[in-house]
Amino acid sequence: MTIPRIFLPHPMEVGLLCDLREEDQTYIKSVLRLKKNDHLVVFDGQGHEYQAMIHQINKSRTVVEILKKYHPQDKPVRIILLQALPKAGKMDFIIQKATELGVDRIVPFQSARSVSRLADDKKGQKEQRWQKIAIEAARQCGRADVPVIDPCLDFPEMIAGADGGGLKIIFWEEEARTGIKDVLSHNHSKSLNELSVVIGPEGGFLKEEVDQARQAGFKSVSLGHQILRVETAVLAILAILQYEKGVLGGSLRSGSEQ
């Protein structure tokens, strides 16, 4: 039987007694039907996992005792996904799957051809919703860390804020000279452990936007001749990056105990 995993967003140490969040208490009692002395795994969203045991459980509270701490697993690459807002509820799906595929940070943005637009008074609500989706996806897929969901930006703000020192890529369907394979096979790219990836909306980017990204240090690349849906392109791109960096398809190593 798979050991249940619960998110506890605060520092923990062996021997500590911790109250579960209210939303997790219902899950523990009604769905999992756990009882006193049952074991579970808790994670703090910062890369740390702990073995815990239910110390107290009643109608008003559930308390767990931290028994062991696991060493965090090394991550060979840090991926930042800069994603243009897609239509309808597709962003929920993208947040979920990007979390499962190991993205460390997600920056939503609005570009010239974005159909979906967020009013200023709705941005905070969306950010909170997307962060909850990322937490739940991390719990289900076994991640000990949770990607940070940034506030939604406009395209110029997004480009100006992408000032990391790693490889920076913008995917453009009109790029005819450079494919993703060309960039990733370059010796310089292989040595980098941070990747910033910009993916556009359904209508793609304006040439002026791509030029602006290039001036900021981004390389424009193509996935190939086929035009993929936004949500399909995200999955394909992230899977390629994780495979190239050895996250997908590599050897399995579990965290050791402290």
C-alpha atoms as a PDB file:
ATOM      1  CA  MET A   1       0.000   0.000   0.000  1.00  0.00           C
ATOM      2  CA  THR A   2       1.307   3.457  -0.919  1.00  0.00           C
ATOM      3  CA  ILE A   3       2.044   5.602   2.132  1.00  0.00           C
ATOM      4  CA  PRO A   4      -0.142   8.761   2.125  1.00  0.00           C
ATOM      5  CA  ARG A   5       1.614  12.100   1.561  1.00  0.00           C
ATOM      6  CA  ILE A   6       0.541  15.383   3.175  1.00  0.00           C
ATOM      7  CA  PHE A   7       1.755  18.951   2.644  1.00  0.00           C
ATOM      8  CA  LEU A   8       2.891  20.878   5.745  1.00  0.00           C
ATOM      9  CA  PRO A   9       4.239  24.314   4.759  1.00  0.00           C
ATOM     10  CA  HIS A  10       6.546  25.042   7.695  1.00  0.00           C
ATOM     11  CA  PRO A  11       9.950  23.908   9.038  1.00  0.00           C
ATOM     12  CA  MET A  12      10.004  20.521  10.743  1.00  0.00           C
ATOM     13  CA  GLU A  13      12.472  18.423  12.717  1.00  0.00           C
ATOM     14  CA  VAL A  14      12.549  14.946  14.237  1.00  0.00           C
ATOM     15  CA  GLY A  15      10.460  14.725  17.412  1.00  0.00           C
ATOM     16  CA  LEU A  16       8.279  17.726  16.582  1.00  0.00           C
ATOM     17  CA  LEU A  17       4.479  17.507  16.971  1.00  0.00           C
ATOM     18  CA  CYS A  18       2.675  19.250  14.101  1.00  0.00           C
ATOM     19  CA  ASP A  19      -0.985  20.070  13.523  1.00  0.00           C
ATOM     20  CA  LEU A  20      -2.274  19.222  10.066  1.00  0.00           C
ATOM     21  CA  ARG A  21      -4.046  21.905   8.062  1.00  0.00           C
ATOM     22  CA  GLU A  22      -7.839  21.888   8.291  1.00  0.00           C
ATOM     23  CA  GLU A  23      -8.278  20.874   4.639  1.00  0.00           C
ATOM     24  CA  ASP A  24      -5.987  17.863   5.176  1.00  0.00           C
ATOM     25  CA  GLN A  25      -7.813  16.671   8.286  1.00  0.00           C
ATOM     26  CA  THR A  26     -10.919  15.818   6.271  1.00  0.00           C
ATOM     27  CA  TYR A  27      -8.801  13.956   3.747  1.00  0.00           C
ATOM     28  CA  ILE A  28      -7.033  12.011   6.500  1.00  0.00           C
ATOM     29  CA  LYS A  29     -10.229  11.063   8.348  1.00  0.00           C
ATOM     30  CA  SER A  30     -12.900  10.657   5.663  1.00  0.00           C
ATOM     31  CA  VAL A  31     -10.945   9.569   2.586  1.00  0.00           C
ATOM     32  CA  LEU A  32      -7.914   7.702   3.926  1.00  0.00           C
ATOM     33  CA  ARG A  33      -9.602   6.704   7.201  1.00  0.00           C
ATOM     34  CA  LEU A  34      -6.308   6.810   9.067  1.00  0.00           C
ATOM     35  CA  LYS A  35      -6.157   6.275  12.802  1.00  0.00           C
ATOM     36  CA  LYS A  36      -3.783   6.956  15.676  1.00  0.00           C
ATOM     37  CA  ASN A  37      -0.309   5.438  15.164  1.00  0.00           C
ATOM     38  CA  ASP A  38      -0.796   5.123  11.379  1.00  0.00           C
ATOM     39  CA  HIS A  39       2.193   6.289   9.346  1.00  0.00           C
ATOM     40  CA  LEU A  40       2.352   8.873   6.573  1.00  0.00           C
ATOM     41  CA  VAL A  41       4.860  11.082   4.744  1.00  0.00           C
ATOM     42  CA  VAL A  42       4.810  14.871   5.074  1.00  0.00           C
ATOM     43  CA  PHE A  43       6.650  17.334   2.839  1.00  0.00           C
ATOM     44  CA  ASP A  44       7.287  21.042   3.286  1.00  0.00           C
ATOM     45  CA  GLY A  45       7.272  22.177  -0.361  1.00  0.00           C
ATOM     46  CA  GLN A  46      10.931  23.239  -0.095  1.00  0.00           C
ATOM     47  CA  GLY A  47      12.383  19.840  -0.995  1.00  0.00           C
ATOM     48  CA  HIS A  48      12.279  18.103   2.403  1.00  0.00           C
ATOM     49  CA  GLU A  49      10.327  14.962   3.253  1.00  0.00           C
ATOM     50  CA  TYR A  50       9.657  13.348   6.610  1.00  0.00           C
ATOM     51  CA  GLN A  51       8.266  10.093   7.927  1.00  0.00           C
ATOM     52  CA  ALA A  52       5.518  10.836  10.446  1.00  0.00           C
ATOM     53  CA  MET A  53       2.983   9.055  12.642  1.00  0.00           C
ATOM     54  CA  ILE A  54      -0.457  10.184  13.739  1.00  0.00           C
ATOM     55  CA  HIS A  55      -0.070  11.159  17.394  1.00  0.00           C
ATOM     56  CA  GLN A  56      -3.578  12.486  18.017  1.00  0.00           C
ATOM     57  CA  ILE A  57      -6.749  12.475  15.922  1.00  0.00           C
ATOM     58  CA  ASN A  58     -10.197  13.725  16.894  1.00  0.00           C
ATOM     59  CA  LYS A  59     -12.978  15.945  15.550  1.00  0.00           C
ATOM     60  CA  SER A  60     -11.125  19.204  16.087  1.00  0.00           C
ATOM     61  CA  ARG A  61      -7.490  18.430  15.241  1.00  0.00           C
ATOM     62  CA  THR A  62      -5.026  15.926  13.854  1.00  0.00           C
ATOM     63  CA  VAL A  63      -1.463  15.962  15.197  1.00  0.00           C
ATOM     64  CA  VAL A  64       1.445  14.065  13.674  1.00  0.00           C
ATOM     65  CA  GLU A  65       4.846  13.287  15.184  1.00  0.00           C
ATOM     66  CA  ILE A  66       7.916  13.656  12.965  1.00  0.00           C
ATOM     67  CA  LEU A  67       9.931  10.430  13.127  1.00  0.00           C
ATOM     68  CA  LYS A  68      12.583  10.654  10.410  1.00  0.00           C
ATOM     69  CA  LYS A  69      13.905  13.150   7.899  1.00  0.00           C
ATOM     70  CA  TYR A  70      14.900  12.174   4.380  1.00  0.00           C
ATOM     71  CA  HIS A  71      17.799  13.779   2.529  1.00  0.00           C
ATOM     72  CA  PRO A  72      16.492  15.865  -0.382  1.00  0.00           C
ATOM     73  CA  GLN A  73      17.276  14.421  -3.801  1.00  0.00           C
ATOM     74  CA  ASP A  74      19.655  16.346  -6.001  1.00  0.00           C
ATOM     75  CA  LYS A  75      18.029  18.099  -8.957  1.00  0.00           C
ATOM     76  CA  PRO A  76      20.226  18.187 -12.069  1.00  0.00           C
ATOM     77  CA  VAL A  77      18.335  21.089 -13.597  1.00  0.00           C
ATOM     78  CA  ARG A  78      16.109  23.988 -12.566  1.00  0.00           C
ATOM     79  CA  ILE A  79      13.352  24.770 -15.077  1.00  0.00           C
ATOM     80  CA  ILE A  80      11.423  28.031 -15.230  1.00  0.00           C
ATOM     81  CA  LEU A  81       8.296  27.901 -17.393  1.00  0.00           C
ATOM     82  CA  LEU A  82       7.153  31.256 -18.733  1.00  0.00           C
ATOM     83  CA  GLN A  83       3.693  30.467 -20.069  1.00  0.00           C
ATOM     84  CA  ALA A  84       1.338  32.729 -22.020  1.00  0.00           C
ATOM     85  CA  LEU A  85      -2.255  32.487 -20.841  1.00  0.00           C
ATOM     86  CA  PRO A  86      -4.138  29.953 -22.971  1.00  0.00           C
ATOM     87  CA  LYS A  87      -7.868  29.787 -23.607  1.00  0.00           C
ATOM     88  CA  ALA A  88     -10.478  28.669 -21.087  1.00  0.00           C
ATOM     89  CA  GLY A  89      -9.235  26.460 -18.244  1.00  0.00           C
ATOM     90  CA  LYS A  90      -6.154  25.090 -19.990  1.00  0.00           C
ATOM     91  CA  MET A  91      -3.830  26.857 -17.558  1.00  0.00           C
ATOM     92  CA  ASP A  92      -5.061  24.627 -14.734  1.00  0.00           C
ATOM     93  CA  PHE A  93      -4.022  21.579 -16.776  1.00  0.00           C
ATOM     94  CA  ILE A  94      -0.654  23.131 -17.656  1.00  0.00           C
ATOM     95  CA  ILE A  95       0.100  23.971 -14.005  1.00  0.00           C
ATOM     96  CA  GLN A  96      -0.726  20.410 -12.962  1.00  0.00           C
ATOM     97  CA  LYS A  97       1.333  18.697 -15.653  1.00  0.00           C
ATOM     98  CA  ALA A  98       4.263  21.113 -15.400  1.00  0.00           C
ATOM     99  CA  THR A  99       4.441  20.297 -11.691  1.00  0.00           C
ATOM    100  CA  GLU A 100       4.443  16.575 -12.454  1.00  0.00           C
ATOM    101  CA  LEU A 101       7.236  17.152 -14.983  1.00  0.00           C
ATOM    102  CA  GLY A 102       9.459  18.880 -12.447  1.00  0.00           C
ATOM    103  CA  VAL A 103       9.155  22.587 -13.243  1.00  0.00           C
ATOM    104  CA  ASP A 104      10.494  24.765 -10.416  1.00  0.00           C
ATOM    105  CA  ARG A 105       8.786  28.069 -11.184  1.00  0.00           C
ATOM    106  CA  ILE A 106       5.879  29.089 -13.415  1.00  0.00           C
ATOM    107  CA  VAL A 107       5.427  32.649 -14.677  1.00  0.00           C
ATOM    108  CA  PRO A 108       2.042  33.288 -16.361  1.00  0.00           C
ATOM    109  CA  PHE A 109       1.964  36.215 -18.777  1.00  0.00           C
ATOM    110  CA  GLN A 110      -0.246  37.940 -21.331  1.00  0.00           C
ATOM    111  CA  SER A 111       1.129  38.499 -24.827  1.00  0.00           C
ATOM    112  CA  ALA A 112      -0.293  40.386 -27.804  1.00  0.00           C
ATOM    113  CA  ARG A 113      -2.206  37.372 -29.123  1.00  0.00           C
ATOM    114  CA  SER A 114      -3.420  36.019 -25.795  1.00  0.00           C
ATOM    115  CA  VAL A 115      -7.165  35.495 -26.023  1.00  0.00           C
ATOM    116  CA  SER A 116      -7.579  35.109 -22.272  1.00  0.00           C
ATOM    117  CA  ARG A 117      -7.091  38.256 -20.231  1.00  0.00           C
ATOM    118  CA  LEU A 118      -7.053  38.597 -16.468  1.00  0.00           C
ATOM    119  CA  ALA A 119      -8.506  41.676 -14.849  1.00  0.00           C
ATOM    120  CA  ASP A 120      -6.256  43.133 -12.159  1.00  0.00           C
ATOM    121  CA  ASP A 121      -8.755  42.271  -9.415  1.00  0.00           C
ATOM    122  CA  LYS A 122      -8.817  38.604 -10.547  1.00  0.00           C
ATOM    123  CA  LYS A 123      -5.073  37.994 -10.758  1.00  0.00           C
ATOM    124  CA  GLY A 124      -4.613  37.307  -7.049  1.00  0.00           C
ATOM    125  CA  GLN A 125      -7.454  34.757  -6.998  1.00  0.00           C
ATOM    126  CA  LYS A 126      -6.021  32.938 -10.024  1.00  0.00           C
ATOM    127  CA  GLU A 127      -2.540  32.885  -8.505  1.00  0.00           C
ATOM    128  CA  GLN A 128      -3.914  31.288  -5.310  1.00  0.00           C
ATOM    129  CA  ARG A 129      -5.903  28.723  -7.312  1.00  0.00           C
ATOM    130  CA  TRP A 130      -2.896  27.773  -9.429  1.00  0.00           C
ATOM    131  CA  GLN A 131      -0.687  27.457  -6.346  1.00  0.00           C
ATOM    132  CA  LYS A 132      -3.204  25.035  -4.801  1.00  0.00           C
ATOM    133  CA  ILE A 133      -3.212  22.999  -8.010  1.00  0.00           C
ATOM    134  CA  ALA A 134       0.603  22.844  -7.901  1.00  0.00           C
ATOM    135  CA  ILE A 135       0.556  21.700  -4.245  1.00  0.00           C
ATOM    136  CA  GLU A 136      -1.922  18.909  -4.987  1.00  0.00           C
ATOM    137  CA  ALA A 137       0.011  17.809  -8.086  1.00  0.00           C
ATOM    138  CA  ALA A 138       3.245  17.702  -6.053  1.00  0.00           C
ATOM    139  CA  ARG A 139       1.540  15.581  -3.391  1.00  0.00           C
ATOM    140  CA  GLN A 140       0.218  13.097  -5.936  1.00  0.00           C
ATOM    141  CA  CYS A 141       3.397  12.734  -7.997  1.00  0.00           C
ATOM    142  CA  GLY A 142       5.776  12.368  -5.040  1.00  0.00           C
ATOM    143  CA  ARG A 143       7.609  15.706  -5.208  1.00  0.00           C
ATOM    144  CA  ALA A 144       8.936  17.153  -1.967  1.00  0.00           C
ATOM    145  CA  ASP A 145       9.078  20.656  -3.425  1.00  0.00           C
ATOM    146  CA  VAL A 146       6.298  22.756  -4.940  1.00  0.00           C
ATOM    147  CA  PRO A 147       6.834  25.113  -7.888  1.00  0.00           C
ATOM    148  CA  VAL A 148       6.330  28.795  -7.183  1.00  0.00           C
ATOM    149  CA  ILE A 149       3.518  30.406  -9.212  1.00  0.00           C
ATOM    150  CA  ASP A 150       4.368  34.034  -9.985  1.00  0.00           C
ATOM    151  CA  PRO A 151       1.815  36.822 -10.467  1.00  0.00           C
ATOM    152  CA  CYS A 152       0.567  37.204 -14.044  1.00  0.00           C
ATOM    153  CA  LEU A 153       2.689  39.692 -16.025  1.00  0.00           C
ATOM    154  CA  ASP A 154       2.565  41.461 -19.365  1.00  0.00           C
ATOM    155  CA  PHE A 155       5.034  40.293 -22.025  1.00  0.00           C
ATOM    156  CA  PRO A 156       7.591  43.114 -21.531  1.00  0.00           C
ATOM    157  CA  GLU A 157       7.547  42.598 -17.752  1.00  0.00           C
ATOM    158  CA  MET A 158       8.049  38.852 -18.197  1.00  0.00           C
ATOM    159  CA  ILE A 159      11.027  39.315 -20.511  1.00  0.00           C
ATOM    160  CA  ALA A 160      12.602  41.952 -18.271  1.00  0.00           C
ATOM    161  CA  GLY A 161      12.258  39.683 -15.236  1.00  0.00           C
ATOM    162  CA  ALA A 162      13.851  36.641 -16.892  1.00  0.00           C
ATOM    163  CA  ASP A 163      17.392  37.617 -15.968  1.00  0.00           C
ATOM    164  CA  GLY A 164      18.775  34.230 -14.947  1.00  0.00           C
ATOM    165  CA  GLY A 165      22.199  33.097 -16.088  1.00  0.00           C
ATOM    166  CA  GLY A 166      21.126  29.782 -17.644  1.00  0.00           C
ATOM    167  CA  LEU A 167      19.835  28.813 -21.078  1.00  0.00           C
ATOM    168  CA  LYS A 168      16.893  30.959 -22.209  1.00  0.00           C
ATOM    169  CA  ILE A 169      14.627  29.671 -24.990  1.00  0.00           C
ATOM    170  CA  ILE A 170      11.525  31.050 -26.696  1.00  0.00           C
ATOM    171  CA  PHE A 171       9.510  28.678 -28.882  1.00  0.00           C
ATOM    172  CA  TRP A 172       8.332  30.245 -32.145  1.00  0.00           C
ATOM    173  CA  GLU A 173       6.533  28.389 -34.909  1.00  0.00           C
ATOM    174  CA  GLU A 174       8.096  30.629 -37.578  1.00  0.00           C
ATOM    175  CA  GLU A 175      11.668  29.787 -36.548  1.00  0.00           C
ATOM    176  CA  ALA A 176      13.140  27.998 -39.588  1.00  0.00           C
ATOM    177  CA  ARG A 177      16.834  27.648 -38.743  1.00  0.00           C
ATOM    178  CA  THR A 178      17.142  26.368 -35.164  1.00  0.00           C
ATOM    179  CA  GLY A 179      15.381  23.413 -33.561  1.00  0.00           C
ATOM    180  CA  ILE A 180      15.307  22.444 -29.910  1.00  0.00           C
ATOM    181  CA  LYS A 181      17.685  19.548 -30.637  1.00  0.00           C
ATOM    182  CA  ASP A 182      20.267  21.954 -32.087  1.00  0.00           C
ATOM    183  CA  VAL A 183      20.286  24.063 -28.939  1.00  0.00           C
ATOM    184  CA  LEU A 184      20.311  21.216 -26.416  1.00  0.00           C
ATOM    185  CA  SER A 185      23.081  19.311 -28.210  1.00  0.00           C
ATOM    186  CA  HIS A 186      25.463  22.278 -27.989  1.00  0.00           C
ATOM    187  CA  ASN A 187      28.270  21.682 -25.471  1.00  0.00           C
ATOM    188  CA  HIS A 188      27.594  24.982 -23.706  1.00  0.00           C
ATOM    189  CA  SER A 189      23.914  24.084 -23.171  1.00  0.00           C
ATOM    190  CA  LYS A 190      24.779  20.682 -21.725  1.00  0.00           C
ATOM    191  CA  SER A 191      26.723  22.285 -18.877  1.00  0.00           C
ATOM    192  CA  LEU A 192      23.925  24.648 -17.792  1.00  0.00           C
ATOM    193  CA  ASN A 193      21.675  23.670 -14.896  1.00  0.00           C
ATOM    194  CA  GLU A 194      18.999  26.360 -15.282  1.00  0.00           C
ATOM    195  CA  LEU A 195      16.581  26.604 -18.212  1.00  0.00           C
ATOM    196  CA  SER A 196      14.046  29.360 -18.861  1.00  0.00           C
ATOM    197  CA  VAL A 197      11.423  28.377 -21.428  1.00  0.00           C
ATOM    198  CA  VAL A 198       8.889  30.747 -23.007  1.00  0.00           C
ATOM    199  CA  ILE A 199       5.787  29.202 -24.594  1.00  0.00           C
ATOM    200  CA  GLY A 200       3.224  31.342 -26.382  1.00  0.00           C
ATOM    201  CA  PRO A 201      -0.575  31.400 -26.673  1.00  0.00           C
ATOM    202  CA  GLU A 202      -2.711  29.675 -29.316  1.00  0.00           C
ATOM    203  CA  GLY A 203      -2.018  32.390 -31.886  1.00  0.00           C
ATOM    204  CA  GLY A 204       1.729  32.374 -31.342  1.00  0.00           C
ATOM    205  CA  PHE A 205       4.033  35.353 -30.888  1.00  0.00           C
ATOM    206  CA  LEU A 206       4.384  38.509 -32.930  1.00  0.00           C
ATOM    207  CA  LYS A 207       7.776  38.868 -34.620  1.00  0.00           C
ATOM    208  CA  GLU A 208       8.300  42.021 -32.552  1.00  0.00           C
ATOM    209  CA  GLU A 209       7.883  40.003 -29.353  1.00  0.00           C
ATOM    210  CA  VAL A 210      10.394  37.401 -30.507  1.00  0.00           C
ATOM    211  CA  ASP A 211      12.851  40.170 -31.417  1.00  0.00           C
ATOM    212  CA  GLN A 212      12.422  41.661 -27.947  1.00  0.00           C
ATOM    213  CA  ALA A 213      13.110  38.261 -26.383  1.00  0.00           C
ATOM    214  CA  ARG A 214      16.225  37.781 -28.522  1.00  0.00           C
ATOM    215  CA  GLN A 215      17.548  41.149 -27.393  1.00  0.00           C
ATOM    216  CA  ALA A 216      17.124  39.942 -23.802  1.00  0.00           C
ATOM    217  CA  GLY A 217      19.250  36.854 -24.476  1.00  0.00           C
ATOM    218  CA  PHE A 218      16.637  34.293 -25.522  1.00  0.00           C
ATOM    219  CA  LYS A 219      17.269  31.875 -28.384  1.00  0.00           C
ATOM    220  CA  SER A 220      14.273  31.329 -30.666  1.00  0.00           C
ATOM    221  CA  VAL A 221      13.752  27.649 -31.475  1.00  0.00           C
ATOM    222  CA  SER A 222      11.216  25.371 -33.133  1.00  0.00           C
ATOM    223  CA  LEU A 223       9.764  21.999 -32.143  1.00  0.00           C
ATOM    224  CA  GLY A 224       9.526  20.942 -35.798  1.00  0.00           C
ATOM    225  CA  HIS A 225       7.108  21.178 -38.707  1.00  0.00           C
ATOM    226  CA  GLN A 226       3.987  20.105 -36.823  1.00  0.00           C
ATOM    227  CA  ILE A 227       1.993  22.779 -35.008  1.00  0.00           C
ATOM    228  CA  LEU A 228       1.023  21.491 -31.575  1.00  0.00           C
ATOM    229  CA  ARG A 229      -1.725  22.702 -29.286  1.00  0.00           C
ATOM    230  CA  VAL A 230      -0.395  24.809 -26.435  1.00  0.00           C
ATOM    231  CA  GLU A 231      -1.047  22.162 -23.786  1.00  0.00           C
ATOM    232  CA  THR A 232       0.539  19.462 -25.967  1.00  0.00           C
ATOM    233  CA  ALA A 233       3.582  21.625 -26.704  1.00  0.00           C
ATOM    234  CA  VAL A 234       4.178  22.233 -22.988  1.00  0.00           C
ATOM    235  CA  LEU A 235       4.200  18.503 -22.221  1.00  0.00           C
ATOM    236  CA  ALA A 236       6.467  17.705 -25.169  1.00  0.00           C
ATOM    237  CA  ILE A 237       8.953  20.463 -24.374  1.00  0.00           C
ATOM    238  CA  LEU A 238       9.217  19.703 -20.667  1.00  0.00           C
ATOM    239  CA  ALA A 239       9.574  15.962 -21.297  1.00  0.00           C
ATOM    240  CA  ILE A 240      12.378  16.632 -23.799  1.00  0.00           C
ATOM    241  CA  LEU A 241      14.226  18.894 -21.368  1.00  0.00           C
ATOM    242  CA  GLN A 242      13.925  16.474 -18.460  1.00  0.00           C
ATOM    243  CA  TYR A 243      15.055  13.553 -20.609  1.00  0.00           C
ATOM    244  CA  GLU A 244      18.074  15.480 -21.878  1.00  0.00           C
ATOM    245  CA  LYS A 245      19.052  16.366 -18.305  1.00  0.00           C
ATOM    246  CA  GLY A 246      18.607  12.793 -17.058  1.00  0.00           C
ATOM    247  CA  VAL A 247      15.543  13.341 -14.891  1.00  0.00           C
ATOM    248  CA  LEU A 248      13.286  11.160 -17.057  1.00  0.00           C
ATOM    249  CA  GLY A 249      14.671   7.780 -18.011  1.00  0.00           C
ATOM    250  CA  GLY A 250      17.548   7.897 -15.514  1.00  0.00           C
ATOM    251  CA  SER A 251      18.326   5.568 -12.644  1.00  0.00           C
ATOM    252  CA  LEU A 252      16.014   5.523  -9.629  1.00  0.00           C
ATOM    253  CA  ARG A 253      17.399   6.805  -6.359  1.00  0.00           C
ATOM    254  CA  SER A 254      15.412   7.313  -3.193  1.00  0.00           C
ATOM    255  CA  GLY A 255      16.296   9.841  -0.517  1.00  0.00           C
ATOM    256  CA  SER A 256      18.244   8.468   2.437  1.00  0.00           C
ATOM    257  CA  GLU A 257      17.243   8.964   6.040  1.00  0.00           C
ATOM    258  CA  GLN A 258      18.686  11.313   8.620  1.00  0.00           C
END
